[in-house]
Amino acid sequence: MSDQLPDQHRKFYQMTLSERLDQLAAESGLPMDVLDALSGKTGLEPAQADHMIENAVGVYSLPIGIARNFIINDHPVLVPMAIEEPSVIAGASFMAQLAAKNGGFHASSTLPEMIGQIQILDVKDLNEAQSRLLEHKDELLAAAATLDPLLSRFGGGPRGIEVRRIYNSPIGPFLVLHLIYDVRDAMGANAINTALEKLAPQVSQISGGRVHLRILTNLADRRLARSSVTIRTADLAFEGYSGETVRDGIIEAWAFAQVDPYRAATHNKGIMNGVDAVILATGNDWRAVEAGAHAYAARSGRYTSLTTWAKDHDGNLTGVLEMPMAVGIVGGATRVHPGAQAALKLMKVESANQLAEIIVSVGLAQNLAALRALATEGIQRGHMGLHARQVAISAGAVENEIDRLADQLVREGVIRTDRAEQILKEWRKQSS
């Protein structure tokens, strides 16, 4: 197709790999040697990997693509997404295009405050020990403040102490001390865990109990990111579906997830398709964000949807996603992995909060894409069309055979490897 259409008339997905990189360079202003870390020409070397984890034997690659059309807080953003599942990037990009017609996504985030926990066992009187710890709160905060001068210089550090009483547990009553810690542009695990270790002897002495676990929590419910979007009803219409039909179908599909945990699990997985892909691309801890997201979805005592969809007073579709977002742009893999560095530069990210706002907007877009498909033509039509390419490749198709075979599988409605192999065998027999 690239030989048949002039460059200026081809969409991004119609370009070759090298043409897409050239386009990215032109749009982002980044030099090609930076983008090469995304292309696979350069990137994480086995020698670097050997210093990142134990027992390293090499590196493992995932496809990385660019979600386009995103306008977030009035700024255009090119969003790198590392994911193996087809249709995710296309779906998010198309929803971003619809959102852009009405101003795009509007995102915000709270202070980057994480929570560290200290478990205190063998306490004779929970109320008395709790009171003593709170009386010494300033003393504990002052001790924690001395641990990371660099973080303090950038405005971070300890912010508060909370103490919770746990009465009903398999081992009986105990106390939990929460250290609230502003980690600025870091994910924060190392800073918090270091502070907890430092405070442990002091906490034990004050409470009269025995300190056991000292670890951050991934339920980062003080570090939230929120994104909202409005889609005009008229823009939702397509292929015989009226805008009102699509809008109402999306709200009805969301309502299912809002009340039923079985549906909510898959609904939220669709959100995380978008969220995790950006987290992976930027070298952040997707497991931590996943854990926090699902715990937050169950904070009421019942697991439910992370998003909310409704119609506004003008009848337009509105959506909101709020979730914990513990991500960083300093330290860890974000500073070691060349691809992660390139991804952050491509998005022009300058703070962890800005990155969180981009990620939550992508999650909202991906949720909208999934709900729109489910509420209209079904999830399989678009997804299986893209999946057919993977089936064609696994069956042994090469070069021009791949798209031709994928198209035939879609037309037949039988997207299976055995059928793909049979078609390939027939074609090659005919040509020979």
Protein backbone atom coordinates (compact mmCIF):
# COMPACT_ATOMS: atom_id res chain seq x y z
CA MET A 1 0.00 0.00 0.00
CA SER A 2 2.90 2.35 0.70
CA ASP A 3 3.82 2.20 -3.01
CA GLN A 4 0.30 3.12 -4.10
CA LEU A 5 -0.43 6.14 -1.93
CA PRO A 6 1.59 9.36 -1.62
CA ASP A 7 3.11 9.86 1.84
CA GLN A 8 0.87 12.81 2.69
CA HIS A 9 -2.26 10.77 1.94
CA ARG A 10 -1.39 7.76 4.03
CA LYS A 11 -2.47 7.33 7.61
CA PHE A 12 0.02 6.35 10.26
CA TYR A 13 -1.06 2.71 10.35
CA GLN A 14 -0.64 2.47 6.57
CA MET A 15 3.02 3.48 6.70
CA THR A 16 5.99 1.15 6.87
CA LEU A 17 7.93 0.84 10.12
CA SER A 18 10.68 3.15 8.90
CA GLU A 19 8.16 5.71 7.64
CA ARG A 20 6.41 5.74 11.00
CA LEU A 21 9.70 6.44 12.74
CA ASP A 22 10.39 9.28 10.32
CA GLN A 23 6.91 10.66 11.03
CA LEU A 24 7.48 10.40 14.79
CA ALA A 25 10.78 12.24 14.44
CA ALA A 26 9.06 15.00 12.49
CA GLU A 27 6.17 15.33 14.95
CA SER A 28 8.15 15.03 18.18
CA GLY A 29 11.34 16.78 17.23
CA LEU A 30 13.35 13.94 18.75
CA PRO A 31 16.53 12.81 16.98
CA MET A 32 16.47 9.38 15.38
CA ASP A 33 19.07 8.00 17.76
CA VAL A 34 16.56 8.49 20.60
CA LEU A 35 13.73 6.86 18.65
CA ASP A 36 16.01 3.95 17.74
CA ALA A 37 15.54 2.77 21.34
CA LEU A 38 11.87 2.22 20.47
CA SER A 39 12.49 0.72 17.05
CA GLY A 40 14.62 -2.16 18.29
CA LYS A 41 17.77 -0.96 16.57
CA THR A 42 19.14 -0.03 19.96
CA GLY A 43 17.69 -0.52 23.42
CA LEU A 44 18.28 -2.63 26.47
CA GLU A 45 21.44 -4.67 26.08
CA PRO A 46 21.92 -8.07 27.75
CA ALA A 47 24.82 -6.62 29.73
CA GLN A 48 22.49 -3.95 31.14
CA ALA A 49 19.85 -6.56 31.91
CA ASP A 50 22.44 -8.53 33.85
CA HIS A 51 22.72 -5.63 36.29
CA MET A 52 18.95 -5.17 36.60
CA ILE A 53 17.90 -8.67 37.70
CA GLU A 54 19.48 -11.86 38.96
CA ASN A 55 20.21 -14.90 36.77
CA ALA A 56 19.78 -12.85 33.60
CA VAL A 57 20.18 -14.71 30.33
CA GLY A 58 19.14 -11.97 27.90
CA VAL A 59 16.27 -9.63 27.08
CA TYR A 60 12.67 -10.26 26.02
CA SER A 61 10.86 -8.03 23.56
CA LEU A 62 7.26 -6.91 23.18
CA PRO A 63 5.76 -4.93 20.30
CA ILE A 64 5.66 -1.20 20.97
CA GLY A 65 3.30 1.09 19.11
CA ILE A 66 2.13 4.67 19.27
CA ALA A 67 -1.39 5.68 20.30
CA ARG A 68 -2.27 8.81 18.39
CA ASN A 69 -4.81 11.63 18.49
CA PHE A 70 -4.59 12.16 22.26
CA ILE A 71 -5.26 15.65 23.55
CA ILE A 72 -4.69 15.72 27.31
CA ASN A 73 -5.17 18.97 29.22
CA ASP A 74 -5.10 20.83 25.89
CA HIS A 75 -1.76 19.34 24.82
CA PRO A 76 -1.27 16.78 22.04
CA VAL A 77 0.52 13.66 23.26
CA LEU A 78 2.09 10.80 21.33
CA VAL A 79 1.67 7.79 23.62
CA PRO A 80 4.01 4.76 23.39
CA MET A 81 2.34 1.48 24.36
CA ALA A 82 4.11 -1.87 24.83
CA ILE A 83 1.60 -4.67 24.38
CA GLU A 84 1.16 -7.98 22.55
CA GLU A 85 -2.63 -7.82 22.19
CA PRO A 86 -4.05 -6.57 18.88
CA SER A 87 -6.76 -3.87 18.70
CA VAL A 88 -5.74 -2.06 21.90
CA ILE A 89 -3.70 0.72 20.32
CA ALA A 90 -6.14 1.11 17.43
CA GLY A 91 -9.10 1.30 19.81
CA ALA A 92 -7.49 3.84 22.11
CA SER A 93 -6.37 5.98 19.17
CA PHE A 94 -9.84 6.04 17.64
CA MET A 95 -11.51 6.97 20.92
CA ALA A 96 -8.91 9.71 21.39
CA GLN A 97 -9.87 11.01 17.95
CA LEU A 98 -13.53 11.22 18.98
CA ALA A 99 -12.59 12.89 22.26
CA ALA A 100 -10.38 15.44 20.49
CA LYS A 101 -13.47 16.83 18.73
CA ASN A 102 -14.71 18.03 22.10
CA GLY A 103 -11.48 19.13 23.76
CA GLY A 104 -9.89 15.78 24.50
CA PHE A 105 -9.23 14.44 27.99
CA HIS A 106 -9.09 16.54 31.13
CA ALA A 107 -6.89 14.97 33.78
CA SER A 108 -5.70 15.77 37.27
CA SER A 109 -3.74 14.05 40.03
CA THR A 110 -3.23 14.35 43.74
CA LEU A 111 0.06 14.83 45.52
CA PRO A 112 2.46 11.89 45.04
CA GLU A 113 1.95 10.61 48.57
CA MET A 114 2.58 6.93 49.22
CA ILE A 115 1.85 4.94 52.36
CA GLY A 116 4.27 2.72 54.25
CA GLN A 117 3.02 0.24 56.84
CA ILE A 118 4.55 -1.02 60.08
CA GLN A 119 2.88 -4.01 61.73
CA ILE A 120 3.12 -3.91 65.54
CA LEU A 121 2.43 -7.17 67.40
CA ASP A 122 2.31 -8.23 71.05
CA VAL A 123 0.70 -4.97 72.17
CA LYS A 124 -0.92 -5.23 75.61
CA ASP A 125 -3.32 -2.30 75.21
CA LEU A 126 -4.09 -1.17 71.64
CA ASN A 127 -5.70 2.13 72.63
CA GLU A 128 -2.87 3.15 74.93
CA ALA A 129 -0.16 2.19 72.42
CA GLN A 130 -1.99 4.03 69.66
CA SER A 131 -2.17 7.17 71.80
CA ARG A 132 1.53 7.01 72.64
CA LEU A 133 2.50 6.68 68.98
CA LEU A 134 0.34 9.66 68.01
CA GLU A 135 1.82 11.71 70.85
CA HIS A 136 5.27 11.03 69.37
CA LYS A 137 4.15 11.73 65.79
CA ASP A 138 6.33 14.82 65.34
CA GLU A 139 9.34 12.97 66.67
CA LEU A 140 8.81 10.10 64.22
CA LEU A 141 8.29 12.46 61.28
CA ALA A 142 11.45 14.37 62.17
CA ALA A 143 13.44 11.14 62.19
CA ALA A 144 12.06 10.11 58.80
CA ALA A 145 12.82 13.54 57.35
CA THR A 146 16.57 13.12 57.82
CA LEU A 147 16.84 10.01 55.63
CA ASP A 148 16.69 11.41 52.11
CA PRO A 149 18.16 14.91 51.78
CA LEU A 150 17.81 14.83 47.99
CA LEU A 151 14.09 14.09 48.18
CA SER A 152 13.67 16.80 50.80
CA ARG A 153 15.47 19.29 48.56
CA PHE A 154 12.86 18.68 45.86
CA GLY A 155 10.01 19.22 48.31
CA GLY A 156 9.31 15.61 49.27
CA GLY A 157 9.52 13.71 52.52
CA PRO A 158 7.28 12.49 55.37
CA ARG A 159 3.87 14.13 55.66
CA GLY A 160 1.95 12.31 58.36
CA ILE A 161 1.50 9.41 60.75
CA GLU A 162 -1.67 7.37 61.16
CA VAL A 163 -2.25 4.43 63.50
CA ARG A 164 -4.94 1.81 62.94
CA ARG A 165 -6.24 -0.82 65.34
CA ILE A 166 -6.84 -4.30 63.96
CA TYR A 167 -9.02 -6.40 66.22
CA ASN A 168 -10.16 -9.39 64.20
CA SER A 169 -7.26 -11.22 62.60
CA PRO A 170 -6.14 -14.87 62.54
CA ILE A 171 -3.37 -13.97 65.02
CA GLY A 172 -5.40 -11.68 67.24
CA PRO A 173 -5.30 -7.89 67.71
CA PHE A 174 -2.41 -5.70 66.57
CA LEU A 175 -1.59 -2.16 65.46
CA VAL A 176 -0.64 -0.81 62.04
CA LEU A 177 1.27 2.44 61.70
CA HIS A 178 1.00 4.30 58.40
CA LEU A 179 3.77 6.62 57.31
CA ILE A 180 2.53 9.10 54.68
CA TYR A 181 5.45 10.01 52.42
CA ASP A 182 5.62 12.45 49.51
CA VAL A 183 7.93 10.81 46.96
CA ARG A 184 7.82 13.55 44.30
CA ASP A 185 8.77 12.11 40.87
CA ALA A 186 9.76 8.66 42.11
CA MET A 187 7.57 5.60 42.35
CA GLY A 188 8.72 5.67 45.96
CA ALA A 189 9.03 2.08 47.15
CA ASN A 190 12.71 2.30 48.06
CA ALA A 191 12.38 5.64 49.85
CA ILE A 192 9.41 4.48 51.91
CA ASN A 193 10.82 1.08 52.81
CA THR A 194 14.09 2.68 53.90
CA ALA A 195 12.20 5.11 56.13
CA LEU A 196 10.17 2.30 57.69
CA GLU A 197 13.29 0.34 58.53
CA LYS A 198 14.75 3.43 60.19
CA LEU A 199 11.62 4.08 62.27
CA ALA A 200 11.02 0.47 63.32
CA PRO A 201 13.12 0.44 66.55
CA GLN A 202 11.66 3.78 67.64
CA VAL A 203 8.10 2.59 66.93
CA SER A 204 8.71 -0.57 68.91
CA GLN A 205 10.07 1.36 71.88
CA ILE A 206 7.22 3.88 71.95
CA SER A 207 4.42 1.33 71.49
CA GLY A 208 5.88 -1.37 73.71
CA GLY A 209 5.11 -3.88 70.96
CA ARG A 210 7.10 -5.98 68.55
CA VAL A 211 7.55 -4.57 65.05
CA HIS A 212 7.08 -7.20 62.36
CA LEU A 213 6.41 -6.22 58.70
CA ARG A 214 7.78 -2.93 57.39
CA ILE A 215 6.65 -2.40 53.78
CA LEU A 216 4.81 0.04 51.53
CA THR A 217 1.26 -0.66 50.42
CA ASN A 218 0.32 -0.73 46.75
CA LEU A 219 -3.16 0.52 47.61
CA ALA A 220 -1.91 4.04 46.92
CA ASP A 221 -5.26 5.70 47.60
CA ARG A 222 -3.63 9.01 48.46
CA ARG A 223 -1.90 9.11 45.08
CA LEU A 224 -4.78 9.20 42.62
CA ALA A 225 -5.05 10.14 38.96
CA ARG A 226 -8.33 11.16 37.38
CA SER A 227 -9.38 11.70 33.78
CA SER A 228 -12.70 12.78 32.31
CA VAL A 229 -13.99 12.97 28.76
CA THR A 230 -17.08 14.10 26.88
CA ILE A 231 -18.05 12.57 23.54
CA ARG A 232 -20.72 14.27 21.48
CA THR A 233 -23.60 11.93 20.78
CA ALA A 234 -23.49 12.67 17.06
CA ASP A 235 -19.84 11.57 16.90
CA LEU A 236 -20.74 8.12 18.24
CA ALA A 237 -22.87 7.20 15.22
CA PHE A 238 -21.45 4.69 12.72
CA GLU A 239 -22.52 1.99 10.24
CA GLY A 240 -26.25 2.16 10.88
CA TYR A 241 -25.95 2.75 14.64
CA SER A 242 -27.34 6.10 15.77
CA GLY A 243 -25.37 8.15 18.27
CA GLU A 244 -28.11 7.70 20.85
CA THR A 245 -28.06 3.93 20.41
CA VAL A 246 -24.29 3.77 20.89
CA ARG A 247 -24.36 6.16 23.86
CA ASP A 248 -27.12 4.28 25.66
CA GLY A 249 -25.48 0.94 24.86
CA ILE A 250 -22.21 2.09 26.44
CA ILE A 251 -23.98 3.26 29.60
CA GLU A 252 -25.93 0.00 29.81
CA ALA A 253 -22.72 -2.02 29.41
CA TRP A 254 -21.04 0.03 32.14
CA ALA A 255 -24.03 -0.49 34.45
CA PHE A 256 -23.48 -4.25 34.19
CA ALA A 257 -19.89 -3.84 35.44
CA GLN A 258 -20.98 -1.42 38.14
CA VAL A 259 -23.17 -4.02 39.86
CA ASP A 260 -21.62 -7.38 38.96
CA PRO A 261 -18.06 -8.33 40.02
CA TYR A 262 -17.77 -11.01 37.32
CA ARG A 263 -18.36 -8.41 34.62
CA ALA A 264 -16.36 -5.76 36.51
CA ALA A 265 -13.24 -7.95 36.44
CA THR A 266 -13.25 -8.05 32.63
CA HIS A 267 -14.36 -4.42 32.37
CA ASN A 268 -11.41 -3.30 34.50
CA LYS A 269 -9.05 -5.62 32.62
CA GLY A 270 -9.92 -3.62 29.50
CA ILE A 271 -8.94 -0.42 31.31
CA MET A 272 -5.64 -2.00 32.32
CA ASN A 273 -4.96 -2.99 28.70
CA GLY A 274 -4.33 0.69 28.11
CA VAL A 275 -2.82 1.52 31.48
CA ASP A 276 -0.33 -1.36 31.64
CA ALA A 277 0.87 -0.81 28.07
CA VAL A 278 2.03 2.73 28.87
CA ILE A 279 3.47 1.67 32.23
CA LEU A 280 5.51 -1.06 30.51
CA ALA A 281 6.72 1.34 27.84
CA THR A 282 8.00 3.75 30.51
CA GLY A 283 9.74 1.13 32.66
CA ASN A 284 7.33 1.44 35.58
CA ASP A 285 5.96 -1.28 37.85
CA TRP A 286 2.75 -2.47 36.18
CA ARG A 287 2.22 -5.09 38.90
CA ALA A 288 2.06 -2.41 41.59
CA VAL A 289 -0.44 -0.35 39.62
CA GLU A 290 -2.54 -3.43 38.85
CA ALA A 291 -2.68 -4.37 42.54
CA GLY A 292 -3.64 -0.85 43.54
CA ALA A 293 -6.28 -0.57 40.84
CA HIS A 294 -8.12 -3.73 41.78
CA ALA A 295 -7.90 -3.05 45.50
CA TYR A 296 -9.29 0.44 44.85
CA ALA A 297 -12.13 -1.05 42.80
CA ALA A 298 -13.12 -3.06 45.90
CA ARG A 299 -12.72 -0.27 48.45
CA SER A 300 -16.47 -0.19 49.18
CA GLY A 301 -16.40 -3.87 50.14
CA ARG A 302 -17.70 -4.93 46.74
CA TYR A 303 -15.61 -5.16 43.57
CA THR A 304 -16.94 -2.77 40.93
CA SER A 305 -16.08 -0.68 37.87
CA LEU A 306 -13.21 1.80 38.01
CA THR A 307 -14.97 4.02 35.46
CA THR A 308 -18.31 5.84 35.46
CA TRP A 309 -20.29 6.57 32.29
CA ALA A 310 -23.39 8.74 31.98
CA LYS A 311 -25.01 11.36 29.75
CA ASP A 312 -24.82 15.06 30.53
CA HIS A 313 -27.58 17.66 30.35
CA ASP A 314 -26.97 18.02 26.61
CA GLY A 315 -27.29 14.29 26.06
CA ASN A 316 -23.58 13.77 25.38
CA LEU A 317 -21.66 10.79 26.71
CA THR A 318 -19.42 11.53 29.70
CA GLY A 319 -16.87 9.26 31.30
CA VAL A 320 -14.58 9.42 34.34
CA LEU A 321 -11.77 7.15 35.48
CA GLU A 322 -10.12 7.55 38.88
CA MET A 323 -7.53 5.13 40.21
CA PRO A 324 -4.28 4.92 42.19
CA MET A 325 -1.29 5.67 39.98
CA ALA A 326 2.08 5.07 41.62
CA VAL A 327 4.48 5.79 38.76
CA GLY A 328 7.81 7.55 38.56
CA ILE A 329 10.18 9.14 36.09
CA VAL A 330 13.34 8.91 38.21
CA GLY A 331 15.16 5.84 39.46
CA GLY A 332 14.63 2.19 38.65
CA ALA A 333 14.15 0.98 35.10
CA THR A 334 13.00 4.40 33.94
CA ARG A 335 16.62 5.57 34.22
CA VAL A 336 18.27 2.35 33.08
CA HIS A 337 16.16 1.22 30.13
CA PRO A 338 16.87 3.22 26.94
CA GLY A 339 13.39 2.46 25.61
CA ALA A 340 11.76 3.83 28.75
CA GLN A 341 13.80 7.01 28.48
CA ALA A 342 12.80 7.41 24.84
CA ALA A 343 9.13 6.86 25.73
CA LEU A 344 9.20 9.60 28.36
CA LYS A 345 10.91 11.99 25.95
CA LEU A 346 8.37 11.21 23.24
CA MET A 347 5.52 12.16 25.59
CA LYS A 348 7.47 15.23 26.79
CA VAL A 349 6.84 14.14 30.37
CA GLU A 350 8.33 16.41 33.03
CA SER A 351 6.82 14.98 36.23
CA ALA A 352 5.40 11.78 37.63
CA ASN A 353 2.03 13.49 38.01
CA GLN A 354 1.98 14.37 34.32
CA LEU A 355 2.78 10.77 33.42
CA ALA A 356 -0.01 9.54 35.71
CA GLU A 357 -2.48 11.86 33.98
CA ILE A 358 -1.49 10.55 30.56
CA ILE A 359 -1.80 6.94 31.68
CA VAL A 360 -5.23 7.35 33.26
CA SER A 361 -6.48 9.08 30.09
CA VAL A 362 -5.31 6.16 27.97
CA GLY A 363 -7.10 3.78 30.35
CA LEU A 364 -10.32 5.75 29.96
CA ALA A 365 -9.99 5.76 26.17
CA GLN A 366 -9.39 2.03 26.09
CA ASN A 367 -12.40 1.38 28.30
CA LEU A 368 -14.55 3.44 25.94
CA ALA A 369 -13.26 1.50 22.93
CA ALA A 370 -14.14 -1.81 24.55
CA LEU A 371 -17.59 -0.69 25.68
CA ARG A 372 -18.41 0.75 22.26
CA ALA A 373 -17.48 -2.51 20.57
CA LEU A 374 -19.37 -4.64 23.09
CA ALA A 375 -22.47 -2.46 22.89
CA THR A 376 -22.65 -2.51 19.08
CA GLU A 377 -20.93 -4.90 16.68
CA GLY A 378 -19.42 -7.14 19.36
CA ILE A 379 -15.85 -7.35 20.56
CA GLN A 380 -14.82 -10.01 18.08
CA ARG A 381 -15.26 -8.17 14.80
CA GLY A 382 -12.47 -5.63 15.12
CA HIS A 383 -10.34 -7.68 17.48
CA MET A 384 -10.44 -10.86 15.43
CA GLY A 385 -9.65 -8.97 12.27
CA LEU A 386 -6.35 -7.95 13.83
CA HIS A 387 -5.92 -11.33 15.51
CA ALA A 388 -6.16 -12.96 12.06
CA ARG A 389 -2.75 -11.53 11.19
CA GLN A 390 -1.19 -13.33 14.15
CA VAL A 391 -2.93 -16.54 13.15
CA ALA A 392 -1.66 -16.15 9.59
CA ILE A 393 1.92 -15.69 10.80
CA SER A 394 1.68 -18.66 13.18
CA ALA A 395 0.46 -20.79 10.27
CA GLY A 396 3.61 -19.94 8.33
CA ALA A 397 2.48 -17.08 6.09
CA VAL A 398 5.24 -14.72 4.96
CA GLU A 399 5.40 -11.29 3.34
CA ASN A 400 2.39 -10.64 1.06
CA GLU A 401 0.72 -13.86 2.17
CA ILE A 402 0.07 -12.48 5.66
CA ASP A 403 -2.50 -9.79 4.81
CA ARG A 404 -4.07 -11.87 2.06
CA LEU A 405 -4.51 -14.85 4.37
CA ALA A 406 -5.80 -12.70 7.24
CA ASP A 407 -8.40 -11.15 4.93
CA GLN A 408 -9.64 -14.55 3.82
CA LEU A 409 -9.87 -15.85 7.37
CA VAL A 410 -11.97 -12.82 8.33
CA ARG A 411 -14.24 -13.24 5.31
CA GLU A 412 -14.82 -16.87 6.19
CA GLY A 413 -15.32 -16.08 9.86
CA VAL A 414 -13.02 -19.00 10.76
CA ILE A 415 -9.90 -17.60 12.37
CA ARG A 416 -8.04 -20.76 13.31
CA THR A 417 -4.51 -21.94 12.70
CA ASP A 418 -5.62 -25.25 11.15
CA ARG A 419 -7.77 -23.44 8.58
CA ALA A 420 -4.97 -20.96 7.88
CA GLU A 421 -2.53 -23.81 7.27
CA GLN A 422 -5.01 -25.49 4.92
CA ILE A 423 -5.46 -22.32 2.86
CA LEU A 424 -1.71 -21.75 2.67
CA LYS A 425 -1.18 -25.33 1.51
CA GLU A 426 -3.79 -24.89 -1.25
CA TRP A 427 -2.31 -21.59 -2.43
CA ARG A 428 1.22 -22.92 -2.57
CA LYS A 429 0.11 -26.07 -4.34
CA GLN A 430 -1.62 -23.96 -6.99
CA SER A 431 1.34 -21.67 -7.49
CA SER A 432 3.80 -24.56 -7.78
